[in-house]
Amino acid sequence: MALEIGMKDLDVYGDSQLVINQLLEEYEVKEDLVSYHTQARQIIDRLDTVNLQHIPRSANKMADALANLAATLALGAKEDMTIPVCTRWVVTPSKEESAQETNTVSVYEVQRED
């Protein structure tokens, strides 16, 4: 896609340390993955600048959730899908509220599948 829209410089953040290091040619590539590696390297070589950086999944939970959702949706409408959804809202208290000390915990659990 980067080539299709005419990008010359690309920053790639990946959660697989193995894949990032293989693309950086620091690790060997297993025989069954060579075709994928070759294709990725060809794309990288066509760009002016590519920065590859490993980001642990624990440090990028939103991207991990979006990637899992995209992979699930790619199965198509004929496949059964279970998509877990979890949202956490954090609101910074105002200056007046921060002067008061409060401890609040709210938990909502759904027992059935939607």
PDB file of N, CA and C in Angstrom:
ATOM      1  N   MET A   1       0.817  -1.179   0.000  1.00  0.00           N
ATOM      2  CA  MET A   1       0.000   0.000   0.000  1.00  0.00           C
ATOM      3  C   MET A   1       0.871   1.256   0.000  1.00  0.00           C
ATOM      4  N   ALA A   2       1.964   1.236   0.733  1.00  0.00           N
ATOM      5  CA  ALA A   2       2.844   2.407   0.788  1.00  0.00           C
ATOM      6  C   ALA A   2       3.340   2.777  -0.604  1.00  0.00           C
ATOM      7  N   LEU A   3       3.690   1.779  -1.397  1.00  0.00           N
ATOM      8  CA  LEU A   3       4.159   2.044  -2.755  1.00  0.00           C
ATOM      9  C   LEU A   3       3.031   2.565  -3.635  1.00  0.00           C
ATOM     10  N   GLU A   4       1.835   2.019  -3.460  1.00  0.00           N
ATOM     11  CA  GLU A   4       0.688   2.420  -4.268  1.00  0.00           C
ATOM     12  C   GLU A   4       0.335   3.889  -4.085  1.00  0.00           C
ATOM     13  N   ILE A   5       0.534   4.428  -2.901  1.00  0.00           N
ATOM     14  CA  ILE A   5       0.192   5.838  -2.665  1.00  0.00           C
ATOM     15  C   ILE A   5       1.404   6.752  -2.809  1.00  0.00           C
ATOM     16  N   GLY A   6       2.520   6.183  -3.258  1.00  0.00           N
ATOM     17  CA  GLY A   6       3.695   6.995  -3.565  1.00  0.00           C
ATOM     18  C   GLY A   6       4.562   7.387  -2.397  1.00  0.00           C
ATOM     19  N   MET A   7       4.491   6.646  -1.300  1.00  0.00           N
ATOM     20  CA  MET A   7       5.329   6.982  -0.147  1.00  0.00           C
ATOM     21  C   MET A   7       6.785   6.658  -0.459  1.00  0.00           C
ATOM     22  N   LYS A   8       7.675   7.459   0.056  1.00  0.00           N
ATOM     23  CA  LYS A   8       9.112   7.238  -0.111  1.00  0.00           C
ATOM     24  C   LYS A   8       9.775   6.829   1.197  1.00  0.00           C
ATOM     25  N   ASP A   9       9.226   7.312   2.318  1.00  0.00           N
ATOM     26  CA  ASP A   9       9.767   7.037   3.646  1.00  0.00           C
ATOM     27  C   ASP A   9       8.686   6.346   4.475  1.00  0.00           C
ATOM     28  N   LEU A  10       9.104   5.340   5.226  1.00  0.00           N
ATOM     29  CA  LEU A  10       8.131   4.557   5.982  1.00  0.00           C
ATOM     30  C   LEU A  10       8.707   4.162   7.336  1.00  0.00           C
ATOM     31  N   ASP A  11       7.915   4.348   8.387  1.00  0.00           N
ATOM     32  CA  ASP A  11       8.257   3.860   9.722  1.00  0.00           C
ATOM     33  C   ASP A  11       7.379   2.649   9.987  1.00  0.00           C
ATOM     34  N   VAL A  12       8.006   1.523  10.314  1.00  0.00           N
ATOM     35  CA  VAL A  12       7.287   0.278  10.572  1.00  0.00           C
ATOM     36  C   VAL A  12       7.487  -0.091  12.031  1.00  0.00           C
ATOM     37  N   TYR A  13       6.374  -0.261  12.743  1.00  0.00           N
ATOM     38  CA  TYR A  13       6.410  -0.678  14.132  1.00  0.00           C
ATOM     39  C   TYR A  13       5.771  -2.057  14.191  1.00  0.00           C
ATOM     40  N   GLY A  14       6.525  -3.050  14.631  1.00  0.00           N
ATOM     41  CA  GLY A  14       6.014  -4.408  14.678  1.00  0.00           C
ATOM     42  C   GLY A  14       6.129  -4.993  16.060  1.00  0.00           C
ATOM     43  N   ASP A  15       5.156  -5.862  16.404  1.00  0.00           N
ATOM     44  CA  ASP A  15       5.185  -6.467  17.735  1.00  0.00           C
ATOM     45  C   ASP A  15       5.917  -7.802  17.747  1.00  0.00           C
ATOM     46  N   SER A  16       6.431  -8.238  16.597  1.00  0.00           N
ATOM     47  CA  SER A  16       7.204  -9.470  16.551  1.00  0.00           C
ATOM     48  C   SER A  16       8.687  -9.142  16.435  1.00  0.00           C
ATOM     49  N   GLN A  17       9.394  -9.344  17.527  1.00  0.00           N
ATOM     50  CA  GLN A  17      10.829  -9.071  17.531  1.00  0.00           C
ATOM     51  C   GLN A  17      11.537  -9.951  16.508  1.00  0.00           C
ATOM     52  N   LEU A  18      11.063 -11.180  16.348  1.00  0.00           N
ATOM     53  CA  LEU A  18      11.648 -12.105  15.382  1.00  0.00           C
ATOM     54  C   LEU A  18      11.540 -11.546  13.965  1.00  0.00           C
ATOM     55  N   VAL A  19      10.344 -11.119  13.574  1.00  0.00           N
ATOM     56  CA  VAL A  19      10.129 -10.599  12.218  1.00  0.00           C
ATOM     57  C   VAL A  19      10.941  -9.329  11.983  1.00  0.00           C
ATOM     58  N   ILE A  20      10.931  -8.409  12.930  1.00  0.00           N
ATOM     59  CA  ILE A  20      11.698  -7.169  12.773  1.00  0.00           C
ATOM     60  C   ILE A  20      13.176  -7.486  12.587  1.00  0.00           C
ATOM     61  N   ASN A  21      13.718  -8.364  13.409  1.00  0.00           N
ATOM     62  CA  ASN A  21      15.137  -8.706  13.287  1.00  0.00           C
ATOM     63  C   ASN A  21      15.438  -9.496  12.021  1.00  0.00           C
ATOM     64  N   GLN A  22      14.485 -10.259  11.527  1.00  0.00           N
ATOM     65  CA  GLN A  22      14.684 -10.935  10.244  1.00  0.00           C
ATOM     66  C   GLN A  22      14.727  -9.912   9.118  1.00  0.00           C
ATOM     67  N   LEU A  23      13.849  -8.920   9.160  1.00  0.00           N
ATOM     68  CA  LEU A  23      13.846  -7.884   8.131  1.00  0.00           C
ATOM     69  C   LEU A  23      15.094  -7.008   8.206  1.00  0.00           C
ATOM     70  N   LEU A  24      15.623  -6.844   9.403  1.00  0.00           N
ATOM     71  CA  LEU A  24      16.881  -6.109   9.565  1.00  0.00           C
ATOM     72  C   LEU A  24      18.089  -6.974   9.210  1.00  0.00           C
ATOM     73  N   GLU A  25      17.801  -8.231   8.856  1.00  0.00           N
ATOM     74  CA  GLU A  25      18.803  -9.219   8.478  1.00  0.00           C
ATOM     75  C   GLU A  25      19.786  -9.524   9.612  1.00  0.00           C
ATOM     76  N   GLU A  26      19.271  -9.442  10.852  1.00  0.00           N
ATOM     77  CA  GLU A  26      20.052  -9.812  12.023  1.00  0.00           C
ATOM     78  C   GLU A  26      19.792 -11.270  12.415  1.00  0.00           C
ATOM     79  N   TYR A  27      18.627 -11.798  12.030  1.00  0.00           N
ATOM     80  CA  TYR A  27      18.273 -13.189  12.299  1.00  0.00           C
ATOM     81  C   TYR A  27      18.083 -13.922  10.983  1.00  0.00           C
ATOM     82  N   GLU A  28      18.318 -15.221  11.008  1.00  0.00           N
ATOM     83  CA  GLU A  28      18.067 -16.057   9.840  1.00  0.00           C
ATOM     84  C   GLU A  28      16.564 -16.254   9.670  1.00  0.00           C
ATOM     85  N   VAL A  29      16.161 -16.541   8.425  1.00  0.00           N
ATOM     86  CA  VAL A  29      14.755 -16.770   8.114  1.00  0.00           C
ATOM     87  C   VAL A  29      14.566 -18.258   7.824  1.00  0.00           C
ATOM     88  N   LYS A  30      13.569 -18.868   8.474  1.00  0.00           N
ATOM     89  CA  LYS A  30      13.293 -20.287   8.227  1.00  0.00           C
ATOM     90  C   LYS A  30      12.827 -20.470   6.787  1.00  0.00           C
ATOM     91  N   GLU A  31      13.114 -21.646   6.257  1.00  0.00           N
ATOM     92  CA  GLU A  31      12.853 -21.943   4.854  1.00  0.00           C
ATOM     93  C   GLU A  31      11.404 -21.698   4.443  1.00  0.00           C
ATOM     94  N   ASP A  32      10.451 -22.055   5.304  1.00  0.00           N
ATOM     95  CA  ASP A  32       9.041 -21.890   4.942  1.00  0.00           C
ATOM     96  C   ASP A  32       8.573 -20.427   4.942  1.00  0.00           C
ATOM     97  N   LEU A  33       9.392 -19.515   5.448  1.00  0.00           N
ATOM     98  CA  LEU A  33       9.038 -18.090   5.467  1.00  0.00           C
ATOM     99  C   LEU A  33       9.868 -17.249   4.494  1.00  0.00           C
ATOM    100  N   VAL A  34      10.748 -17.884   3.749  1.00  0.00           N
ATOM    101  CA  VAL A  34      11.649 -17.148   2.853  1.00  0.00           C
ATOM    102  C   VAL A  34      10.877 -16.349   1.812  1.00  0.00           C
ATOM    103  N   SER A  35       9.809 -16.906   1.254  1.00  0.00           N
ATOM    104  CA  SER A  35       9.068 -16.175   0.215  1.00  0.00           C
ATOM    105  C   SER A  35       8.455 -14.889   0.767  1.00  0.00           C
ATOM    106  N   TYR A  36       7.933 -14.933   2.014  1.00  0.00           N
ATOM    107  CA  TYR A  36       7.381 -13.729   2.640  1.00  0.00           C
ATOM    108  C   TYR A  36       8.487 -12.707   2.905  1.00  0.00           C
ATOM    109  N   HIS A  37       9.609 -13.198   3.402  1.00  0.00           N
ATOM    110  CA  HIS A  37      10.748 -12.330   3.698  1.00  0.00           C
ATOM    111  C   HIS A  37      11.258 -11.669   2.418  1.00  0.00           C
ATOM    112  N   THR A  38      11.365 -12.435   1.358  1.00  0.00           N
ATOM    113  CA  THR A  38      11.840 -11.901   0.080  1.00  0.00           C
ATOM    114  C   THR A  38      10.909 -10.808  -0.424  1.00  0.00           C
ATOM    115  N   GLN A  39       9.610 -11.054  -0.352  1.00  0.00           N
ATOM    116  CA  GLN A  39       8.637 -10.059  -0.802  1.00  0.00           C
ATOM    117  C   GLN A  39       8.733  -8.778   0.035  1.00  0.00           C
ATOM    118  N   ALA A  40       8.842  -8.922   1.346  1.00  0.00           N
ATOM    119  CA  ALA A  40       8.958  -7.759   2.222  1.00  0.00           C
ATOM    120  C   ALA A  40      10.237  -6.980   1.925  1.00  0.00           C
ATOM    121  N   ARG A  41      11.345  -7.682   1.733  1.00  0.00           N
ATOM    122  CA  ARG A  41      12.623  -7.014   1.436  1.00  0.00           C
ATOM    123  C   ARG A  41      12.557  -6.278   0.094  1.00  0.00           C
ATOM    124  N   GLN A  42      11.860  -6.841  -0.893  1.00  0.00           N
ATOM    125  CA  GLN A  42      11.721  -6.173  -2.181  1.00  0.00           C
ATOM    126  C   GLN A  42      10.976  -4.850  -2.031  1.00  0.00           C
ATOM    127  N   ILE A  43       9.940  -4.857  -1.209  1.00  0.00           N
ATOM    128  CA  ILE A  43       9.188  -3.622  -0.959  1.00  0.00           C
ATOM    129  C   ILE A  43      10.066  -2.615  -0.221  1.00  0.00           C
ATOM    130  N   ILE A  44      10.771  -3.079   0.799  1.00  0.00           N
ATOM    131  CA  ILE A  44      11.656  -2.200   1.568  1.00  0.00           C
ATOM    132  C   ILE A  44      12.710  -1.573   0.665  1.00  0.00           C
ATOM    133  N   ASP A  45      13.265  -2.367  -0.232  1.00  0.00           N
ATOM    134  CA  ASP A  45      14.320  -1.879  -1.125  1.00  0.00           C
ATOM    135  C   ASP A  45      13.814  -0.853  -2.132  1.00  0.00           C
ATOM    136  N   ARG A  46      12.518  -0.832  -2.402  1.00  0.00           N
ATOM    137  CA  ARG A  46      11.947   0.138  -3.353  1.00  0.00           C
ATOM    138  C   ARG A  46      11.660   1.496  -2.704  1.00  0.00           C
ATOM    139  N   LEU A  47      11.714   1.554  -1.383  1.00  0.00           N
ATOM    140  CA  LEU A  47      11.481   2.810  -0.665  1.00  0.00           C
ATOM    141  C   LEU A  47      12.815   3.486  -0.369  1.00  0.00           C
ATOM    142  N   ASP A  48      12.790   4.800  -0.213  1.00  0.00           N
ATOM    143  CA  ASP A  48      14.017   5.537   0.095  1.00  0.00           C
ATOM    144  C   ASP A  48      14.509   5.245   1.507  1.00  0.00           C
ATOM    145  N   THR A  49      13.601   5.361   2.466  1.00  0.00           N
ATOM    146  CA  THR A  49      13.964   5.167   3.870  1.00  0.00           C
ATOM    147  C   THR A  49      12.914   4.319   4.559  1.00  0.00           C
ATOM    148  N   VAL A  50      13.367   3.275   5.262  1.00  0.00           N
ATOM    149  CA  VAL A  50      12.462   2.447   6.057  1.00  0.00           C
ATOM    150  C   VAL A  50      13.094   2.261   7.433  1.00  0.00           C
ATOM    151  N   ASN A  51      12.367   2.659   8.455  1.00  0.00           N
ATOM    152  CA  ASN A  51      12.802   2.457   9.835  1.00  0.00           C
ATOM    153  C   ASN A  51      11.962   1.342  10.429  1.00  0.00           C
ATOM    154  N   LEU A  52      12.604   0.277  10.862  1.00  0.00           N
ATOM    155  CA  LEU A  52      11.925  -0.859  11.471  1.00  0.00           C
ATOM    156  C   LEU A  52      12.172  -0.834  12.966  1.00  0.00           C
ATOM    157  N   GLN A  53      11.094  -0.879  13.744  1.00  0.00           N
ATOM    158  CA  GLN A  53      11.245  -0.816  15.198  1.00  0.00           C
ATOM    159  C   GLN A  53      10.310  -1.805  15.867  1.00  0.00           C
ATOM    160  N   HIS A  54      10.848  -2.563  16.830  1.00  0.00           N
ATOM    161  CA  HIS A  54      10.043  -3.506  17.604  1.00  0.00           C
ATOM    162  C   HIS A  54       9.336  -2.775  18.736  1.00  0.00           C
ATOM    163  N   ILE A  55       8.018  -2.979  18.824  1.00  0.00           N
ATOM    164  CA  ILE A  55       7.207  -2.445  19.915  1.00  0.00           C
ATOM    165  C   ILE A  55       6.515  -3.642  20.568  1.00  0.00           C
ATOM    166  N   PRO A  56       6.781  -3.926  21.832  1.00  0.00           N
ATOM    167  CA  PRO A  56       6.127  -5.068  22.482  1.00  0.00           C
ATOM    168  C   PRO A  56       4.604  -4.911  22.489  1.00  0.00           C
ATOM    169  N   ARG A  57       3.900  -6.021  22.363  1.00  0.00           N
ATOM    170  CA  ARG A  57       2.434  -5.978  22.372  1.00  0.00           C
ATOM    171  C   ARG A  57       1.905  -5.301  23.625  1.00  0.00           C
ATOM    172  N   SER A  58       2.565  -5.554  24.736  1.00  0.00           N
ATOM    173  CA  SER A  58       2.099  -4.965  25.995  1.00  0.00           C
ATOM    174  C   SER A  58       2.157  -3.446  25.964  1.00  0.00           C
ATOM    175  N   ALA A  59       3.007  -2.880  25.117  1.00  0.00           N
ATOM    176  CA  ALA A  59       3.126  -1.424  25.027  1.00  0.00           C
ATOM    177  C   ALA A  59       2.216  -0.847  23.950  1.00  0.00           C
ATOM    178  N   ASN A  60       1.525  -1.701  23.208  1.00  0.00           N
ATOM    179  CA  ASN A  60       0.685  -1.206  22.127  1.00  0.00           C
ATOM    180  C   ASN A  60      -0.571  -2.058  22.006  1.00  0.00           C
ATOM    181  N   LYS A  61      -1.363  -2.070  23.060  1.00  0.00           N
ATOM    182  CA  LYS A  61      -2.543  -2.918  23.120  1.00  0.00           C
ATOM    183  C   LYS A  61      -3.608  -2.522  22.106  1.00  0.00           C
ATOM    184  N   MET A  62      -3.756  -1.241  21.808  1.00  0.00           N
ATOM    185  CA  MET A  62      -4.771  -0.804  20.855  1.00  0.00           C
ATOM    186  C   MET A  62      -4.454  -1.334  19.458  1.00  0.00           C
ATOM    187  N   ALA A  63      -3.191  -1.234  19.033  1.00  0.00           N
ATOM    188  CA  ALA A  63      -2.807  -1.747  17.719  1.00  0.00           C
ATOM    189  C   ALA A  63      -2.982  -3.256  17.659  1.00  0.00           C
ATOM    190  N   ASP A  64      -2.659  -3.944  18.736  1.00  0.00           N
ATOM    191  CA  ASP A  64      -2.833  -5.388  18.784  1.00  0.00           C
ATOM    192  C   ASP A  64      -4.313  -5.747  18.649  1.00  0.00           C
ATOM    193  N   ALA A  65      -5.184  -5.017  19.323  1.00  0.00           N
ATOM    194  CA  ALA A  65      -6.620  -5.278  19.240  1.00  0.00           C
ATOM    195  C   ALA A  65      -7.133  -5.021  17.823  1.00  0.00           C
ATOM    196  N   LEU A  66      -6.683  -3.941  17.201  1.00  0.00           N
ATOM    197  CA  LEU A  66      -7.105  -3.638  15.832  1.00  0.00           C
ATOM    198  C   LEU A  66      -6.615  -4.691  14.845  1.00  0.00           C
ATOM    199  N   ALA A  67      -5.379  -5.154  15.028  1.00  0.00           N
ATOM    200  CA  ALA A  67      -4.844  -6.204  14.152  1.00  0.00           C
ATOM    201  C   ALA A  67      -5.637  -7.494  14.313  1.00  0.00           C
ATOM    202  N   ASN A  68      -5.974  -7.849  15.539  1.00  0.00           N
ATOM    203  CA  ASN A  68      -6.778  -9.048  15.767  1.00  0.00           C
ATOM    204  C   ASN A  68      -8.174  -8.908  15.172  1.00  0.00           C
ATOM    205  N   LEU A  69      -8.768  -7.720  15.277  1.00  0.00           N
ATOM    206  CA  LEU A  69     -10.077  -7.476  14.696  1.00  0.00           C
ATOM    207  C   LEU A  69     -10.015  -7.590  13.171  1.00  0.00           C
ATOM    208  N   ALA A  70      -8.998  -7.006  12.561  1.00  0.00           N
ATOM    209  CA  ALA A  70      -8.845  -7.086  11.100  1.00  0.00           C
ATOM    210  C   ALA A  70      -8.675  -8.532  10.656  1.00  0.00           C
ATOM    211  N   ALA A  71      -7.893  -9.298  11.386  1.00  0.00           N
ATOM    212  CA  ALA A  71      -7.690 -10.704  11.038  1.00  0.00           C
ATOM    213  C   ALA A  71      -8.995 -11.482  11.174  1.00  0.00           C
ATOM    214  N   THR A  72      -9.768 -11.179  12.197  1.00  0.00           N
ATOM    215  CA  THR A  72     -11.047 -11.852  12.400  1.00  0.00           C
ATOM    216  C   THR A  72     -12.026 -11.501  11.287  1.00  0.00           C
ATOM    217  N   LEU A  73     -12.113 -10.225  10.937  1.00  0.00           N
ATOM    218  CA  LEU A  73     -13.031  -9.792   9.892  1.00  0.00           C
ATOM    219  C   LEU A  73     -12.633 -10.323   8.521  1.00  0.00           C
ATOM    220  N   ALA A  74     -11.343 -10.589   8.331  1.00  0.00           N
ATOM    221  CA  ALA A  74     -10.860 -11.123   7.052  1.00  0.00           C
ATOM    222  C   ALA A  74     -11.366 -12.541   6.817  1.00  0.00           C
ATOM    223  N   LEU A  75     -11.880 -13.211   7.855  1.00  0.00           N
ATOM    224  CA  LEU A  75     -12.421 -14.560   7.686  1.00  0.00           C
ATOM    225  C   LEU A  75     -13.639 -14.566   6.772  1.00  0.00           C
ATOM    226  N   GLY A  76     -14.349 -13.462   6.721  1.00  0.00           N
ATOM    227  CA  GLY A  76     -15.526 -13.375   5.866  1.00  0.00           C
ATOM    228  C   GLY A  76     -16.808 -13.647   6.635  1.00  0.00           C
ATOM    229  N   ALA A  77     -17.932 -13.320   6.004  1.00  0.00           N
ATOM    230  CA  ALA A  77     -19.241 -13.413   6.651  1.00  0.00           C
ATOM    231  C   ALA A  77     -19.689 -14.850   6.862  1.00  0.00           C
ATOM    232  N   LYS A  78     -19.131 -15.819   6.145  1.00  0.00           N
ATOM    233  CA  LYS A  78     -19.566 -17.207   6.257  1.00  0.00           C
ATOM    234  C   LYS A  78     -18.965 -17.921   7.460  1.00  0.00           C
ATOM    235  N   GLU A  79     -17.951 -17.333   8.059  1.00  0.00           N
ATOM    236  CA  GLU A  79     -17.282 -17.934   9.211  1.00  0.00           C
ATOM    237  C   GLU A  79     -17.910 -17.410  10.498  1.00  0.00           C
ATOM    238  N   ASP A  80     -17.911 -18.252  11.543  1.00  0.00           N
ATOM    239  CA  ASP A  80     -18.332 -17.798  12.864  1.00  0.00           C
ATOM    240  C   ASP A  80     -17.254 -16.905  13.450  1.00  0.00           C
ATOM    241  N   MET A  81     -17.659 -15.843  14.118  1.00  0.00           N
ATOM    242  CA  MET A  81     -16.698 -14.915  14.698  1.00  0.00           C
ATOM    243  C   MET A  81     -17.059 -14.625  16.141  1.00  0.00           C
ATOM    244  N   THR A  82     -16.057 -14.561  16.965  1.00  0.00           N
ATOM    245  CA  THR A  82     -16.199 -14.061  18.328  1.00  0.00           C
ATOM    246  C   THR A  82     -15.242 -12.896  18.453  1.00  0.00           C
ATOM    247  N   ILE A  83     -15.774 -11.718  18.694  1.00  0.00           N
ATOM    248  CA  ILE A  83     -14.948 -10.515  18.796  1.00  0.00           C
ATOM    249  C   ILE A  83     -15.101  -9.947  20.195  1.00  0.00           C
ATOM    250  N   PRO A  84     -14.096 -10.147  21.055  1.00  0.00           N
ATOM    251  CA  PRO A  84     -14.183  -9.566  22.400  1.00  0.00           C
ATOM    252  C   PRO A  84     -13.998  -8.056  22.335  1.00  0.00           C
ATOM    253  N   VAL A  85     -14.850  -7.346  23.036  1.00  0.00           N
ATOM    254  CA  VAL A  85     -14.774  -5.889  23.049  1.00  0.00           C
ATOM    255  C   VAL A  85     -14.659  -5.423  24.487  1.00  0.00           C
ATOM    256  N   CYS A  86     -13.685  -4.577  24.741  1.00  0.00           N
ATOM    257  CA  CYS A  86     -13.482  -4.058  26.086  1.00  0.00           C
ATOM    258  C   CYS A  86     -13.084  -2.593  25.969  1.00  0.00           C
ATOM    259  N   THR A  87     -13.732  -1.750  26.694  1.00  0.00           N
ATOM    260  CA  THR A  87     -13.410  -0.329  26.656  1.00  0.00           C
ATOM    261  C   THR A  87     -13.146   0.146  28.071  1.00  0.00           C
ATOM    262  N   ARG A  88     -12.135   0.956  28.224  1.00  0.00           N
ATOM    263  CA  ARG A  88     -11.809   1.526  29.532  1.00  0.00           C
ATOM    264  C   ARG A  88     -11.675   3.025  29.349  1.00  0.00           C
ATOM    265  N   TRP A  89     -12.475   3.770  30.046  1.00  0.00           N
ATOM    266  CA  TRP A  89     -12.438   5.225  29.969  1.00  0.00           C
ATOM    267  C   TRP A  89     -11.726   5.765  31.198  1.00  0.00           C
ATOM    268  N   VAL A  90     -10.828   6.688  30.994  1.00  0.00           N
ATOM    269  CA  VAL A  90     -10.128   7.321  32.094  1.00  0.00           C
ATOM    270  C   VAL A  90     -10.369   8.819  31.988  1.00  0.00           C
ATOM    271  N   VAL A  91     -10.900   9.384  33.049  1.00  0.00           N
ATOM    272  CA  VAL A  91     -11.199  10.815  33.066  1.00  0.00           C
ATOM    273  C   VAL A  91     -10.336  11.469  34.121  1.00  0.00           C
ATOM    274  N   THR A  92      -9.611  12.492  33.713  1.00  0.00           N
ATOM    275  CA  THR A  92      -8.770  13.226  34.655  1.00  0.00           C
ATOM    276  C   THR A  92      -9.651  14.121  35.520  1.00  0.00           C
ATOM    277  N   PRO A  93      -9.520  14.027  36.828  1.00  0.00           N
ATOM    278  CA  PRO A  93     -10.361  14.855  37.700  1.00  0.00           C
ATOM    279  C   PRO A  93      -9.973  16.333  37.602  1.00  0.00           C
ATOM    280  N   SER A  94     -10.972  17.176  37.849  1.00  0.00           N
ATOM    281  CA  SER A  94     -10.697  18.608  37.880  1.00  0.00           C
ATOM    282  C   SER A  94      -9.875  18.927  39.126  1.00  0.00           C
ATOM    283  N   LYS A  95      -9.381  20.158  39.235  1.00  0.00           N
ATOM    284  CA  LYS A  95      -8.559  20.544  40.383  1.00  0.00           C
ATOM    285  C   LYS A  95      -9.331  20.426  41.700  1.00  0.00           C
ATOM    286  N   GLU A  96     -10.645  20.771  41.662  1.00  0.00           N
ATOM    287  CA  GLU A  96     -11.454  20.671  42.873  1.00  0.00           C
ATOM    288  C   GLU A  96     -11.624  19.206  43.284  1.00  0.00           C
ATOM    289  N   GLU A  97     -11.855  18.343  42.298  1.00  0.00           N
ATOM    290  CA  GLU A  97     -12.068  16.930  42.596  1.00  0.00           C
ATOM    291  C   GLU A  97     -10.791  16.253  43.064  1.00  0.00           C
ATOM    292  N   SER A  98      -9.657  16.689  42.542  1.00  0.00           N
ATOM    293  CA  SER A  98      -8.403  16.044  42.915  1.00  0.00           C
ATOM    294  C   SER A  98      -8.021  16.334  44.362  1.00  0.00           C
ATOM    295  N   ALA A  99      -8.596  17.377  44.958  1.00  0.00           N
ATOM    296  CA  ALA A  99      -8.310  17.690  46.353  1.00  0.00           C
ATOM    297  C   ALA A  99      -9.006  16.700  47.281  1.00  0.00           C
ATOM    298  N   GLN A 100     -10.115  16.103  46.801  1.00  0.00           N
ATOM    299  CA  GLN A 100     -10.823  15.114  47.593  1.00  0.00           C
ATOM    300  C   GLN A 100     -10.236  13.735  47.316  1.00  0.00           C
ATOM    301  N   GLU A 101     -10.127  12.966  48.368  1.00  0.00           N
ATOM    302  CA  GLU A 101      -9.590  11.620  48.210  1.00  0.00           C
ATOM    303  C   GLU A 101     -10.745  10.635  48.121  1.00  0.00           C
ATOM    304  N   THR A 102     -10.837   9.942  46.981  1.00  0.00           N
ATOM    305  CA  THR A 102     -11.900   8.955  46.796  1.00  0.00           C
ATOM    306  C   THR A 102     -11.322   7.683  46.193  1.00  0.00           C
ATOM    307  N   ASN A 103     -11.933   6.583  46.545  1.00  0.00           N
ATOM    308  CA  ASN A 103     -11.587   5.294  45.959  1.00  0.00           C
ATOM    309  C   ASN A 103     -12.852   4.713  45.353  1.00  0.00           C
ATOM    310  N   THR A 104     -12.864   4.532  44.051  1.00  0.00           N
ATOM    311  CA  THR A 104     -14.033   4.013  43.370  1.00  0.00           C
ATOM    312  C   THR A 104     -13.616   2.919  42.409  1.00  0.00           C
ATOM    313  N   VAL A 105     -14.352   1.835  42.440  1.00  0.00           N
ATOM    314  CA  VAL A 105     -14.126   0.745  41.495  1.00  0.00           C
ATOM    315  C   VAL A 105     -15.474   0.370  40.908  1.00  0.00           C
ATOM    316  N   SER A 106     -15.563   0.334  39.574  1.00  0.00           N
ATOM    317  CA  SER A 106     -16.789  -0.078  38.899  1.00  0.00           C
ATOM    318  C   SER A 106     -16.462  -1.266  38.024  1.00  0.00           C
ATOM    319  N   VAL A 107     -17.277  -2.308  38.134  1.00  0.00           N
ATOM    320  CA  VAL A 107     -17.058  -3.506  37.337  1.00  0.00           C
ATOM    321  C   VAL A 107     -18.378  -3.902  36.716  1.00  0.00           C
ATOM    322  N   TYR A 108     -18.352  -4.200  35.424  1.00  0.00           N
ATOM    323  CA  TYR A 108     -19.533  -4.679  34.727  1.00  0.00           C
ATOM    324  C   TYR A 108     -19.114  -5.897  33.932  1.00  0.00           C
ATOM    325  N   GLU A 109     -19.733  -7.014  34.177  1.00  0.00           N
ATOM    326  CA  GLU A 109     -19.380  -8.245  33.487  1.00  0.00           C
ATOM    327  C   GLU A 109     -20.600  -8.812  32.767  1.00  0.00           C
ATOM    328  N   VAL A 110     -20.430  -9.156  31.506  1.00  0.00           N
ATOM    329  CA  VAL A 110     -21.509  -9.742  30.723  1.00  0.00           C
ATOM    330  C   VAL A 110     -21.350 -11.252  30.800  1.00  0.00           C
ATOM    331  N   GLN A 111     -22.389 -11.929  31.260  1.00  0.00           N
ATOM    332  CA  GLN A 111     -22.339 -13.373  31.432  1.00  0.00           C
ATOM    333  C   GLN A 111     -22.743 -14.159  30.188  1.00  0.00           C
ATOM    334  N   ARG A 112     -23.352 -13.495  29.242  1.00  0.00           N
ATOM    335  CA  ARG A 112     -23.806 -14.204  28.047  1.00  0.00           C
ATOM    336  C   ARG A 112     -23.142 -13.608  26.810  1.00  0.00           C
ATOM    337  N   GLU A 113     -23.088 -14.391  25.747  1.00  0.00           N
ATOM    338  CA  GLU A 113     -22.515 -13.904  24.502  1.00  0.00           C
ATOM    339  C   GLU A 113     -23.549 -13.056  23.781  1.00  0.00           C
ATOM    340  N   ASP A 114     -23.106 -12.004  23.152  1.00  0.00           N
ATOM    341  CA  ASP A 114     -23.997 -11.117  22.399  1.00  0.00           C
ATOM    342  C   ASP A 114     -23.949 -11.507  20.940  1.00  0.00           C
TER     343      ASP A 114
END
